PDB file of N, CA and C in Angstrom:
ATOM      1  N   MET A   1     -38.305  23.073   7.717  1.00  0.00           N
ATOM      2  CA  MET A   1     -37.958  21.887   7.127  1.00  0.00           C
ATOM      3  C   MET A   1     -37.137  21.124   8.091  1.00  0.00           C
ATOM      4  N   SER A   2     -37.053  20.072   8.939  1.00  0.00           N
ATOM      5  CA  SER A   2     -35.900  19.430   9.589  1.00  0.00           C
ATOM      6  C   SER A   2     -35.330  18.562   8.836  1.00  0.00           C
ATOM      7  N   THR A   3     -34.147  18.122   9.273  1.00  0.00           N
ATOM      8  CA  THR A   3     -32.975  17.264   9.398  1.00  0.00           C
ATOM      9  C   THR A   3     -32.885  15.753  10.745  1.00  0.00           C
ATOM     10  N   GLN A   4     -33.291  14.992  10.159  1.00  0.00           N
ATOM     11  CA  GLN A   4     -33.043  14.085  11.011  1.00  0.00           C
ATOM     12  C   GLN A   4     -30.947  13.228  10.507  1.00  0.00           C
ATOM     13  N   THR A   5     -30.917  13.309  12.038  1.00  0.00           N
ATOM     14  CA  THR A   5     -29.655  12.109  12.010  1.00  0.00           C
ATOM     15  C   THR A   5     -29.915  10.986  12.305  1.00  0.00           C
ATOM     16  N   LYS A   6     -29.338  10.068  12.199  1.00  0.00           N
ATOM     17  CA  LYS A   6     -28.970   8.604  12.634  1.00  0.00           C
ATOM     18  C   LYS A   6     -28.087   8.535  13.509  1.00  0.00           C
ATOM     19  N   GLU A   7     -28.021   8.380  15.226  1.00  0.00           N
ATOM     20  CA  GLU A   7     -26.737   7.892  15.939  1.00  0.00           C
ATOM     21  C   GLU A   7     -26.875   6.398  15.442  1.00  0.00           C
ATOM     22  N   GLU A   8     -25.196   5.778  15.339  1.00  0.00           N
ATOM     23  CA  GLU A   8     -24.610   4.731  14.890  1.00  0.00           C
ATOM     24  C   GLU A   8     -23.602   4.429  16.247  1.00  0.00           C
ATOM     25  N   THR A   9     -24.002   3.597  17.172  1.00  0.00           N
ATOM     26  CA  THR A   9     -22.922   3.407  18.148  1.00  0.00           C
ATOM     27  C   THR A   9     -22.778   2.024  17.645  1.00  0.00           C
ATOM     28  N   PHE A  10     -21.024   1.831  18.355  1.00  0.00           N
ATOM     29  CA  PHE A  10     -19.948   0.576  17.805  1.00  0.00           C
ATOM     30  C   PHE A  10     -19.781   0.621  19.483  1.00  0.00           C
ATOM     31  N   THR A  11     -19.446  -0.967  19.839  1.00  0.00           N
ATOM     32  CA  THR A  11     -18.890  -1.510  21.084  1.00  0.00           C
ATOM     33  C   THR A  11     -17.460  -1.131  20.193  1.00  0.00           C
ATOM     34  N   LEU A  12     -16.386  -1.553  21.605  1.00  0.00           N
ATOM     35  CA  LEU A  12     -15.404  -1.246  22.105  1.00  0.00           C
ATOM     36  C   LEU A  12     -14.544  -2.414  21.405  1.00  0.00           C
ATOM     37  N   GLU A  13     -15.138  -3.714  21.232  1.00  0.00           N
ATOM     38  CA  GLU A  13     -14.613  -4.495  20.475  1.00  0.00           C
ATOM     39  C   GLU A  13     -14.559  -4.289  18.915  1.00  0.00           C
ATOM     40  N   GLU A  14     -15.925  -3.673  18.544  1.00  0.00           N
ATOM     41  CA  GLU A  14     -15.688  -3.851  17.282  1.00  0.00           C
ATOM     42  C   GLU A  14     -15.012  -2.514  16.645  1.00  0.00           C
ATOM     43  N   ILE A  15     -14.836  -1.157  17.636  1.00  0.00           N
ATOM     44  CA  ILE A  15     -13.979  -0.474  17.519  1.00  0.00           C
ATOM     45  C   ILE A  15     -12.317  -0.741  17.492  1.00  0.00           C
ATOM     46  N   LEU A  16     -11.850  -1.709  18.274  1.00  0.00           N
ATOM     47  CA  LEU A  16     -10.438  -2.016  18.563  1.00  0.00           C
ATOM     48  C   LEU A  16     -10.341  -2.819  17.308  1.00  0.00           C
ATOM     49  N   THR A  17     -11.216  -4.241  16.472  1.00  0.00           N
ATOM     50  CA  THR A  17     -11.091  -4.884  15.555  1.00  0.00           C
ATOM     51  C   THR A  17     -10.975  -3.642  14.198  1.00  0.00           C
ATOM     52  N   SER A  18     -11.587  -2.625  14.187  1.00  0.00           N
ATOM     53  CA  SER A  18     -11.545  -1.971  13.440  1.00  0.00           C
ATOM     54  C   SER A  18     -10.053  -1.510  13.000  1.00  0.00           C
ATOM     55  N   LEU A  19     -10.076  -0.981  14.096  1.00  0.00           N
ATOM     56  CA  LEU A  19      -8.023  -0.329  13.766  1.00  0.00           C
ATOM     57  C   LEU A  19      -6.964  -1.370  13.673  1.00  0.00           C
ATOM     58  N   LYS A  20      -7.187  -2.856  14.349  1.00  0.00           N
ATOM     59  CA  LYS A  20      -6.288  -4.005  14.089  1.00  0.00           C
ATOM     60  C   LYS A  20      -6.416  -4.002  12.489  1.00  0.00           C
ATOM     61  N   THR A  21      -7.193  -4.026  11.623  1.00  0.00           N
ATOM     62  CA  THR A  21      -7.315  -4.465  10.573  1.00  0.00           C
ATOM     63  C   THR A  21      -6.145  -3.946   9.569  1.00  0.00           C
ATOM     64  N   ILE A  22      -5.348  -5.349   9.061  1.00  0.00           N
ATOM     65  CA  ILE A  22      -4.267  -4.987   8.187  1.00  0.00           C
ATOM     66  C   ILE A  22      -3.967  -4.826   6.921  1.00  0.00           C
ATOM     67  N   HIS A  23      -3.976  -3.732   6.372  1.00  0.00           N
ATOM     68  CA  HIS A  23      -3.991  -3.544   5.250  1.00  0.00           C
ATOM     69  C   HIS A  23      -2.882  -3.649   4.058  1.00  0.00           C
ATOM     70  N   ARG A  24      -2.903  -3.550   3.017  1.00  0.00           N
ATOM     71  CA  ARG A  24      -1.594  -4.509   2.275  1.00  0.00           C
ATOM     72  C   ARG A  24      -1.340  -3.156   1.405  1.00  0.00           C
ATOM     73  N   LEU A  25      -0.190  -2.187   0.357  1.00  0.00           N
ATOM     74  CA  LEU A  25       0.076  -1.822  -0.314  1.00  0.00           C
ATOM     75  C   LEU A  25       0.745  -2.792  -1.056  1.00  0.00           C
ATOM     76  N   ILE A  26      -0.274  -2.460  -2.676  1.00  0.00           N
ATOM     77  CA  ILE A  26      -0.269  -3.569  -3.807  1.00  0.00           C
ATOM     78  C   ILE A  26       0.931  -2.461  -4.356  1.00  0.00           C
ATOM     79  N   LEU A  27       2.075  -3.121  -5.119  1.00  0.00           N
ATOM     80  CA  LEU A  27       2.327  -3.000  -6.463  1.00  0.00           C
ATOM     81  C   LEU A  27       2.087  -3.373  -7.810  1.00  0.00           C
ATOM     82  N   TRP A  28       1.351  -2.906  -8.677  1.00  0.00           N
ATOM     83  CA  TRP A  28       1.272  -3.034  -9.967  1.00  0.00           C
ATOM     84  C   TRP A  28       2.553  -3.141 -10.964  1.00  0.00           C
ATOM     85  N   ASN A  29       2.689  -4.098 -12.231  1.00  0.00           N
ATOM     86  CA  ASN A  29       3.186  -3.923 -13.326  1.00  0.00           C
ATOM     87  C   ASN A  29       2.949  -3.086 -14.291  1.00  0.00           C
ATOM     88  N   ASP A  30       3.501  -2.526 -14.616  1.00  0.00           N
ATOM     89  CA  ASP A  30       3.021  -1.518 -15.686  1.00  0.00           C
ATOM     90  C   ASP A  30       4.419  -1.023 -17.221  1.00  0.00           C
ATOM     91  N   ASP A  31       3.922  -0.927 -18.087  1.00  0.00           N
ATOM     92  CA  ASP A  31       4.750  -0.319 -19.037  1.00  0.00           C
ATOM     93  C   ASP A  31       5.529   0.811 -18.865  1.00  0.00           C
ATOM     94  N   VAL A  32       5.665   1.623 -17.505  1.00  0.00           N
ATOM     95  CA  VAL A  32       6.488   2.759 -17.879  1.00  0.00           C
ATOM     96  C   VAL A  32       8.027   2.314 -17.119  1.00  0.00           C
ATOM     97  N   ASN A  33       7.344   2.516 -16.070  1.00  0.00           N
ATOM     98  CA  ASN A  33       8.658   2.184 -14.913  1.00  0.00           C
ATOM     99  C   ASN A  33       9.762   0.839 -15.510  1.00  0.00           C
ATOM    100  N   THR A  34      11.046   1.093 -15.084  1.00  0.00           N
ATOM    101  CA  THR A  34      12.264   0.372 -15.372  1.00  0.00           C
ATOM    102  C   THR A  34      12.565  -0.514 -14.062  1.00  0.00           C
ATOM    103  N   PHE A  35      13.014  -1.797 -14.174  1.00  0.00           N
ATOM    104  CA  PHE A  35      13.026  -2.358 -13.004  1.00  0.00           C
ATOM    105  C   PHE A  35      13.900  -1.724 -12.009  1.00  0.00           C
ATOM    106  N   ASP A  36      14.829  -0.975 -12.992  1.00  0.00           N
ATOM    107  CA  ASP A  36      15.904  -0.362 -11.722  1.00  0.00           C
ATOM    108  C   ASP A  36      15.278   0.810 -10.951  1.00  0.00           C
ATOM    109  N   HIS A  37      14.151   1.518 -11.425  1.00  0.00           N
ATOM    110  CA  HIS A  37      13.466   2.821 -11.003  1.00  0.00           C
ATOM    111  C   HIS A  37      12.356   2.011  -9.339  1.00  0.00           C
ATOM    112  N   VAL A  38      11.942   0.812  -9.721  1.00  0.00           N
ATOM    113  CA  VAL A  38      11.761  -0.025  -8.914  1.00  0.00           C
ATOM    114  C   VAL A  38      12.069  -0.600  -7.806  1.00  0.00           C
ATOM    115  N   ILE A  39      13.065  -0.668  -8.285  1.00  0.00           N
ATOM    116  CA  ILE A  39      14.061  -1.525  -7.089  1.00  0.00           C
ATOM    117  C   ILE A  39      14.567  -0.094  -6.196  1.00  0.00           C
ATOM    118  N   TRP A  40      14.986   1.089  -6.936  1.00  0.00           N
ATOM    119  CA  TRP A  40      15.339   2.540  -6.118  1.00  0.00           C
ATOM    120  C   TRP A  40      14.380   2.696  -4.888  1.00  0.00           C
ATOM    121  N   CYS A  41      13.734   2.683  -5.505  1.00  0.00           N
ATOM    122  CA  CYS A  41      12.071   3.375  -4.756  1.00  0.00           C
ATOM    123  C   CYS A  41      11.908   2.325  -3.709  1.00  0.00           C
ATOM    124  N   MET A  42      11.990   0.813  -3.919  1.00  0.00           N
ATOM    125  CA  MET A  42      11.588   0.214  -2.781  1.00  0.00           C
ATOM    126  C   MET A  42      12.706   0.123  -1.656  1.00  0.00           C
ATOM    127  N   MET A  43      14.414   0.466  -1.959  1.00  0.00           N
ATOM    128  CA  MET A  43      14.987   0.645  -1.193  1.00  0.00           C
ATOM    129  C   MET A  43      14.878   2.258  -0.545  1.00  0.00           C
ATOM    130  N   LYS A  44      15.078   2.826  -1.649  1.00  0.00           N
ATOM    131  CA  LYS A  44      15.018   4.480  -0.861  1.00  0.00           C
ATOM    132  C   LYS A  44      13.609   4.715   0.359  1.00  0.00           C
ATOM    133  N   TYR A  45      12.435   4.455  -0.292  1.00  0.00           N
ATOM    134  CA  TYR A  45      10.817   4.635   0.838  1.00  0.00           C
ATOM    135  C   TYR A  45      10.611   3.420   1.631  1.00  0.00           C
ATOM    136  N   LEU A  46      11.322   2.366   0.596  1.00  0.00           N
ATOM    137  CA  LEU A  46      10.649   1.153   2.050  1.00  0.00           C
ATOM    138  C   LEU A  46      11.782   0.361   2.978  1.00  0.00           C
ATOM    139  N   ASP A  47      13.592   0.882   2.476  1.00  0.00           N
ATOM    140  CA  ASP A  47      14.370   0.348   3.456  1.00  0.00           C
ATOM    141  C   ASP A  47      14.623  -0.840   3.236  1.00  0.00           C
ATOM    142  N   TYR A  48      14.266  -1.611   2.297  1.00  0.00           N
ATOM    143  CA  TYR A  48      14.172  -3.226   1.251  1.00  0.00           C
ATOM    144  C   TYR A  48      16.038  -3.261   0.944  1.00  0.00           C
ATOM    145  N   THR A  49      16.156  -4.097   1.216  1.00  0.00           N
ATOM    146  CA  THR A  49      18.142  -4.327   0.393  1.00  0.00           C
ATOM    147  C   THR A  49      17.798  -4.520  -1.104  1.00  0.00           C
ATOM    148  N   GLU A  50      18.914  -4.247  -1.728  1.00  0.00           N
ATOM    149  CA  GLU A  50      18.841  -4.570  -3.264  1.00  0.00           C
ATOM    150  C   GLU A  50      18.473  -5.741  -3.284  1.00  0.00           C
ATOM    151  N   SER A  51      18.638  -6.620  -2.496  1.00  0.00           N
ATOM    152  CA  SER A  51      18.251  -8.345  -2.683  1.00  0.00           C
ATOM    153  C   SER A  51      16.602  -8.260  -2.628  1.00  0.00           C
ATOM    154  N   GLN A  52      16.081  -7.665  -1.669  1.00  0.00           N
ATOM    155  CA  GLN A  52      14.602  -8.103  -1.671  1.00  0.00           C
ATOM    156  C   GLN A  52      13.974  -7.155  -2.792  1.00  0.00           C
ATOM    157  N   ALA A  53      14.677  -5.977  -2.908  1.00  0.00           N
ATOM    158  CA  ALA A  53      13.996  -5.388  -4.413  1.00  0.00           C
ATOM    159  C   ALA A  53      13.725  -5.671  -5.568  1.00  0.00           C
ATOM    160  N   GLU A  54      14.871  -6.285  -5.567  1.00  0.00           N
ATOM    161  CA  GLU A  54      15.130  -6.868  -7.120  1.00  0.00           C
ATOM    162  C   GLU A  54      13.780  -8.398  -6.710  1.00  0.00           C
ATOM    163  N   LYS A  55      14.052  -8.932  -6.032  1.00  0.00           N
ATOM    164  CA  LYS A  55      12.818 -10.004  -5.807  1.00  0.00           C
ATOM    165  C   LYS A  55      11.365  -9.412  -6.259  1.00  0.00           C
ATOM    166  N   ILE A  56      10.990  -8.130  -5.626  1.00  0.00           N
ATOM    167  CA  ILE A  56       9.580  -7.796  -5.700  1.00  0.00           C
ATOM    168  C   ILE A  56       9.498  -7.437  -6.942  1.00  0.00           C
ATOM    169  N   ALA A  57      10.560  -6.314  -7.443  1.00  0.00           N
ATOM    170  CA  ALA A  57      10.382  -6.533  -9.215  1.00  0.00           C
ATOM    171  C   ALA A  57       9.887  -7.696  -9.888  1.00  0.00           C
ATOM    172  N   TRP A  58      10.728  -8.686  -9.568  1.00  0.00           N
ATOM    173  CA  TRP A  58      10.861  -9.744 -10.709  1.00  0.00           C
ATOM    174  C   TRP A  58       9.080 -10.352 -10.262  1.00  0.00           C
ATOM    175  N   GLU A  59       8.568 -10.406  -8.981  1.00  0.00           N
ATOM    176  CA  GLU A  59       7.252 -10.532  -8.668  1.00  0.00           C
ATOM    177  C   GLU A  59       6.333 -10.366  -9.639  1.00  0.00           C
ATOM    178  N   VAL A  60       6.297  -8.192  -9.816  1.00  0.00           N
ATOM    179  CA  VAL A  60       5.516  -7.356  -9.955  1.00  0.00           C
ATOM    180  C   VAL A  60       5.730  -7.849 -11.863  1.00  0.00           C
ATOM    181  N   HIS A  61       6.570  -8.200 -12.123  1.00  0.00           N
ATOM    182  CA  HIS A  61       6.640  -8.200 -13.397  1.00  0.00           C
ATOM    183  C   HIS A  61       6.515  -9.561 -13.980  1.00  0.00           C
ATOM    184  N   THR A  62       6.360 -11.020 -13.350  1.00  0.00           N
ATOM    185  CA  THR A  62       5.844 -11.986 -13.828  1.00  0.00           C
ATOM    186  C   THR A  62       4.567 -12.648 -13.172  1.00  0.00           C
ATOM    187  N   LYS A  63       4.240 -11.938 -12.440  1.00  0.00           N
ATOM    188  CA  LYS A  63       2.481 -12.003 -11.693  1.00  0.00           C
ATOM    189  C   LYS A  63       1.994 -10.624 -11.734  1.00  0.00           C
ATOM    190  N   GLY A  64       2.241  -9.685 -12.037  1.00  0.00           N
ATOM    191  CA  GLY A  64       1.523  -8.575 -11.771  1.00  0.00           C
ATOM    192  C   GLY A  64       1.166  -7.877 -10.748  1.00  0.00           C
ATOM    193  N   LYS A  65       1.539  -8.387 -10.202  1.00  0.00           N
ATOM    194  CA  LYS A  65       1.536  -7.708  -7.992  1.00  0.00           C
ATOM    195  C   LYS A  65       2.411  -8.202  -7.492  1.00  0.00           C
ATOM    196  N   CYS A  66       2.498  -7.103  -6.626  1.00  0.00           N
ATOM    197  CA  CYS A  66       2.922  -7.857  -5.565  1.00  0.00           C
ATOM    198  C   CYS A  66       2.687  -7.078  -3.885  1.00  0.00           C
ATOM    199  N   ALA A  67       2.190  -7.561  -2.529  1.00  0.00           N
ATOM    200  CA  ALA A  67       2.059  -6.827  -1.803  1.00  0.00           C
ATOM    201  C   ALA A  67       3.568  -6.506  -0.848  1.00  0.00           C
ATOM    202  N   ILE A  68       3.676  -5.650  -1.288  1.00  0.00           N
ATOM    203  CA  ILE A  68       4.850  -4.956  -0.823  1.00  0.00           C
ATOM    204  C   ILE A  68       4.753  -4.292   0.530  1.00  0.00           C
ATOM    205  N   LEU A  69       3.768  -4.299   1.541  1.00  0.00           N
ATOM    206  CA  LEU A  69       3.712  -3.642   2.914  1.00  0.00           C
ATOM    207  C   LEU A  69       2.816  -3.895   3.582  1.00  0.00           C
ATOM    208  N   GLU A  70       2.914  -4.402   4.857  1.00  0.00           N
ATOM    209  CA  GLU A  70       1.422  -4.183   5.285  1.00  0.00           C
ATOM    210  C   GLU A  70       1.143  -3.452   6.579  1.00  0.00           C
ATOM    211  N   GLY A  71       0.111  -2.920   7.221  1.00  0.00           N
ATOM    212  CA  GLY A  71       0.405  -1.747   8.332  1.00  0.00           C
ATOM    213  C   GLY A  71      -1.182  -1.415   8.214  1.00  0.00           C
ATOM    214  N   SER A  72      -1.467  -0.187   8.877  1.00  0.00           N
ATOM    215  CA  SER A  72      -3.131   0.341   8.987  1.00  0.00           C
ATOM    216  C   SER A  72      -3.325   1.270   7.835  1.00  0.00           C
ATOM    217  N   PHE A  73      -4.198   1.137   7.698  1.00  0.00           N
ATOM    218  CA  PHE A  73      -4.542   2.202   6.339  1.00  0.00           C
ATOM    219  C   PHE A  73      -3.737   3.325   6.269  1.00  0.00           C
ATOM    220  N   THR A  74      -3.779   4.205   7.126  1.00  0.00           N
ATOM    221  CA  THR A  74      -3.105   5.383   7.425  1.00  0.00           C
ATOM    222  C   THR A  74      -1.624   5.137   6.926  1.00  0.00           C
ATOM    223  N   GLU A  75      -0.957   4.503   7.679  1.00  0.00           N
ATOM    224  CA  GLU A  75       0.458   3.854   6.912  1.00  0.00           C
ATOM    225  C   GLU A  75       0.254   3.653   5.260  1.00  0.00           C
ATOM    226  N   MET A  76      -0.301   2.687   5.583  1.00  0.00           N
ATOM    227  CA  MET A  76       0.098   2.182   4.281  1.00  0.00           C
ATOM    228  C   MET A  76      -0.766   3.602   2.691  1.00  0.00           C
ATOM    229  N   GLU A  77      -1.281   4.606   3.449  1.00  0.00           N
ATOM    230  CA  GLU A  77      -1.991   5.109   2.296  1.00  0.00           C
ATOM    231  C   GLU A  77      -0.777   6.569   2.264  1.00  0.00           C
ATOM    232  N   VAL A  78      -0.284   6.968   3.209  1.00  0.00           N
ATOM    233  CA  VAL A  78       0.966   8.033   3.410  1.00  0.00           C
ATOM    234  C   VAL A  78       1.823   6.761   2.283  1.00  0.00           C
ATOM    235  N   TYR A  79       2.404   5.849   1.966  1.00  0.00           N
ATOM    236  CA  TYR A  79       3.330   4.996   1.218  1.00  0.00           C
ATOM    237  C   TYR A  79       2.818   4.493   0.070  1.00  0.00           C
ATOM    238  N   ARG A  80       1.508   4.856  -0.118  1.00  0.00           N
ATOM    239  CA  ARG A  80       0.845   4.952  -1.195  1.00  0.00           C
ATOM    240  C   ARG A  80       1.048   6.938  -2.024  1.00  0.00           C
ATOM    241  N   LYS A  81       0.557   7.410  -1.564  1.00  0.00           N
ATOM    242  CA  LYS A  81       1.332   8.685  -2.255  1.00  0.00           C
ATOM    243  C   LYS A  81       2.442   8.915  -2.249  1.00  0.00           C
ATOM    244  N   ILE A  82       3.798   8.545  -1.826  1.00  0.00           N
ATOM    245  CA  ILE A  82       4.645   8.961  -2.175  1.00  0.00           C
ATOM    246  C   ILE A  82       5.365   7.993  -3.231  1.00  0.00           C
ATOM    247  N   LEU A  83       4.971   6.779  -3.120  1.00  0.00           N
ATOM    248  CA  LEU A  83       5.258   6.033  -4.300  1.00  0.00           C
ATOM    249  C   LEU A  83       4.607   6.043  -5.485  1.00  0.00           C
ATOM    250  N   LYS A  84       3.508   6.527  -5.770  1.00  0.00           N
ATOM    251  CA  LYS A  84       3.008   7.421  -6.620  1.00  0.00           C
ATOM    252  C   LYS A  84       3.415   8.388  -7.335  1.00  0.00           C
ATOM    253  N   ALA A  85       3.949   9.184  -6.036  1.00  0.00           N
ATOM    254  CA  ALA A  85       4.630  10.579  -7.191  1.00  0.00           C
ATOM    255  C   ALA A  85       5.897   9.915  -7.724  1.00  0.00           C
ATOM    256  N   GLU A  86       6.309   8.879  -7.314  1.00  0.00           N
ATOM    257  CA  GLU A  86       8.060   8.357  -7.827  1.00  0.00           C
ATOM    258  C   GLU A  86       7.088   7.629  -9.387  1.00  0.00           C
ATOM    259  N   GLY A  87       5.850   7.430  -9.788  1.00  0.00           N
ATOM    260  CA  GLY A  87       5.579   6.989 -10.979  1.00  0.00           C
ATOM    261  C   GLY A  87       4.838   5.611 -11.012  1.00  0.00           C
ATOM    262  N   LEU A  88       5.013   4.937  -9.736  1.00  0.00           N
ATOM    263  CA  LEU A  88       4.585   4.039  -9.591  1.00  0.00           C
ATOM    264  C   LEU A  88       3.016   3.649  -9.307  1.00  0.00           C
ATOM    265  N   GLU A  89       2.521   2.520  -9.691  1.00  0.00           N
ATOM    266  CA  GLU A  89       1.484   2.335 -10.131  1.00  0.00           C
ATOM    267  C   GLU A  89       0.886   1.031  -8.680  1.00  0.00           C
ATOM    268  N   VAL A  90       0.669   1.997  -7.149  1.00  0.00           N
ATOM    269  CA  VAL A  90      -0.071   1.119  -6.094  1.00  0.00           C
ATOM    270  C   VAL A  90      -1.119   1.647  -6.081  1.00  0.00           C
ATOM    271  N   THR A  91      -1.970   0.773  -4.520  1.00  0.00           N
ATOM    272  CA  THR A  91      -2.887   0.814  -4.544  1.00  0.00           C
ATOM    273  C   THR A  91      -3.069  -0.219  -3.030  1.00  0.00           C
ATOM    274  N   VAL A  92      -4.093   0.652  -2.077  1.00  0.00           N
ATOM    275  CA  VAL A  92      -4.207  -0.233  -0.706  1.00  0.00           C
ATOM    276  C   VAL A  92      -5.259  -0.966  -0.570  1.00  0.00           C
ATOM    277  N   ASP A  93      -4.913  -2.557  -0.532  1.00  0.00           N
ATOM    278  CA  ASP A  93      -6.271  -3.446  -0.212  1.00  0.00           C
ATOM    279  C   ASP A  93      -6.437  -3.874   1.342  1.00  0.00           C
TER     280      ASP A  93
END
């Protein structure tokens, strides 16, 4: 029994384009976390000012979600795990 593998090749431009893709960290509204906890997390982990963190909390509350950070997938995944450990509902888009 033989195993066949398919070789896939990419151009340098395709690789660089995939690396430049901007991902967003999305914070979702929930019925568990308080405004104070969300604000505290935004200030502690994302270095937002209190005013910026309050605006994020209100946007999440009124619109159901808010993009809170942009960057590489790896970076967004690190922050997602940190905020999830704090009980926040976050996804990478």
